[in-house]
């Protein structure tokens, strides 16, 4: 689910995304997304879902969208998994719903179940 944030928050999050999506020009190191094997579109969606709420709260409190280092570290640890889940949902392999605690709960769709069965029957 995509949330619309005010322009200052979106601009700040876009700058974080831009940093994560660009390879290091000096060292030729791959971007964060490349290094983690993340489809950039899914990484951006995952990143925004993780840093959006605390940066919006900061903007409301101080007028400046920001998050602390612990919040950023926690978000970066979760981005690869969240991006993978987003990709699987977009491919129709997973479905999800928000539970009573506001947490997203995932399960295999019918297509996902068929794909899992197909993978089980293949020799690896």
Protein backbone atom coordinates (compact mmCIF):
# COMPACT_ATOMS: atom_id res chain seq x y z
CA UNK A 1 0.00 0.00 0.00
CA UNK A 2 1.36 3.38 -1.00
CA UNK A 3 1.05 6.37 1.30
CA UNK A 4 1.09 9.97 0.12
CA UNK A 5 3.40 12.18 2.17
CA UNK A 6 3.89 15.96 2.03
CA UNK A 7 6.46 17.20 -0.50
CA UNK A 8 9.27 17.83 2.05
CA UNK A 9 8.99 14.26 3.33
CA UNK A 10 8.83 12.82 -0.20
CA UNK A 11 11.83 14.88 -1.29
CA UNK A 12 13.83 13.69 1.71
CA UNK A 13 12.90 10.04 1.11
CA UNK A 14 13.71 10.40 -2.61
CA UNK A 15 17.19 11.64 -1.68
CA UNK A 16 17.74 8.57 0.51
CA UNK A 17 16.49 6.33 -2.31
CA UNK A 18 18.77 8.08 -4.82
CA UNK A 19 21.76 7.46 -2.56
CA UNK A 20 20.89 3.77 -2.23
CA UNK A 21 20.29 3.30 -5.95
CA UNK A 22 23.56 4.82 -7.21
CA UNK A 23 26.80 2.82 -7.45
CA UNK A 24 29.77 4.45 -5.73
CA UNK A 25 31.56 6.42 -8.47
CA UNK A 26 34.90 6.46 -6.63
CA UNK A 27 35.16 2.79 -5.68
CA UNK A 28 32.94 1.22 -8.34
CA UNK A 29 31.04 -0.53 -5.53
CA UNK A 30 27.53 -1.56 -6.58
CA UNK A 31 24.53 0.31 -5.22
CA UNK A 32 22.81 -0.95 -2.08
CA UNK A 33 19.99 -2.36 -4.21
CA UNK A 34 22.40 -4.07 -6.62
CA UNK A 35 24.47 -5.46 -3.76
CA UNK A 36 21.36 -6.97 -2.17
CA UNK A 37 19.91 -8.23 -5.46
CA UNK A 38 16.87 -5.98 -5.12
CA UNK A 39 14.70 -4.79 -8.00
CA UNK A 40 15.01 -1.01 -7.57
CA UNK A 41 11.27 -0.34 -7.90
CA UNK A 42 10.54 -2.86 -5.13
CA UNK A 43 13.38 -1.52 -3.00
CA UNK A 44 12.03 2.00 -3.24
CA UNK A 45 8.53 0.88 -2.24
CA UNK A 46 9.94 -1.12 0.69
CA UNK A 47 12.22 1.74 1.78
CA UNK A 48 9.40 4.28 1.72
CA UNK A 49 7.09 2.00 3.70
CA UNK A 50 9.78 1.62 6.38
CA UNK A 51 11.17 5.16 6.67
CA UNK A 52 7.99 7.03 5.75
CA UNK A 53 6.16 6.88 9.10
CA UNK A 54 9.10 7.96 11.31
CA UNK A 55 10.26 10.67 8.88
CA UNK A 56 6.69 12.01 8.64
CA UNK A 57 6.45 12.04 12.45
CA UNK A 58 9.74 13.95 12.59
CA UNK A 59 8.43 16.45 10.04
CA UNK A 60 5.26 16.98 12.10
CA UNK A 61 7.27 17.45 15.33
CA UNK A 62 10.19 19.52 14.06
CA UNK A 63 9.38 20.64 10.53
CA UNK A 64 12.30 18.52 9.32
CA UNK A 65 11.86 14.99 7.92
CA UNK A 66 14.56 12.82 9.44
CA UNK A 67 15.16 9.53 11.22
CA UNK A 68 17.91 8.51 13.60
CA UNK A 69 20.71 6.08 12.84
CA UNK A 70 19.01 3.19 14.67
CA UNK A 71 15.82 3.68 12.65
CA UNK A 72 17.79 3.82 9.40
CA UNK A 73 19.80 0.70 10.27
CA UNK A 74 16.64 -1.20 11.15
CA UNK A 75 15.00 -0.09 7.88
CA UNK A 76 18.01 -1.09 5.78
CA UNK A 77 18.03 -4.54 7.40
CA UNK A 78 14.37 -5.01 6.44
CA UNK A 79 14.45 -3.56 2.91
CA UNK A 80 15.71 -6.74 1.15
CA UNK A 81 13.00 -8.93 2.70
CA UNK A 82 10.24 -6.36 2.22
CA UNK A 83 11.33 -5.84 -1.41
CA UNK A 84 11.24 -9.60 -2.04
CA UNK A 85 7.73 -9.83 -0.59
CA UNK A 86 6.59 -6.90 -2.74
CA UNK A 87 8.02 -8.61 -5.82
CA UNK A 88 6.29 -11.89 -5.02
CA UNK A 89 2.98 -10.07 -4.50
CA UNK A 90 3.34 -8.24 -7.82
CA UNK A 91 3.99 -11.56 -9.56
CA UNK A 92 0.82 -12.94 -8.00
CA UNK A 93 2.60 -15.58 -5.92
CA UNK A 94 1.67 -14.07 -2.55
CA UNK A 95 -1.38 -12.39 -1.11
CA UNK A 96 -1.61 -10.40 2.11
CA UNK A 97 -3.95 -8.69 4.51
CA UNK A 98 -3.44 -6.38 7.45
CA UNK A 99 -4.27 -8.03 10.77
CA UNK A 100 -5.89 -6.44 13.82
CA UNK A 101 -2.46 -5.19 14.99
CA UNK A 102 -1.76 -3.43 11.71
CA UNK A 103 0.80 -6.04 10.63
CA UNK A 104 0.77 -7.39 7.10
CA UNK A 105 0.23 -11.15 7.01
CA UNK A 106 1.29 -13.07 3.87
CA UNK A 107 0.25 -16.40 2.37
CA UNK A 108 0.69 -18.21 -0.92
CA UNK A 109 -1.88 -17.37 -3.56
CA UNK A 110 -3.35 -20.14 -5.69
CA UNK A 111 -0.69 -19.32 -8.29
CA UNK A 112 1.97 -19.43 -5.57
CA UNK A 113 0.74 -22.85 -4.44
CA UNK A 114 0.91 -24.15 -8.00
CA UNK A 115 4.44 -22.75 -8.39
CA UNK A 116 5.49 -24.36 -5.10
CA UNK A 117 4.09 -27.72 -6.21
CA UNK A 118 5.91 -27.40 -9.52
CA UNK A 119 9.17 -26.67 -7.71
CA UNK A 120 8.67 -29.65 -5.41
CA UNK A 121 8.34 -32.00 -8.37
CA UNK A 122 11.48 -30.74 -10.09
CA UNK A 123 14.79 -32.39 -9.39
CA UNK A 124 17.31 -29.98 -8.02
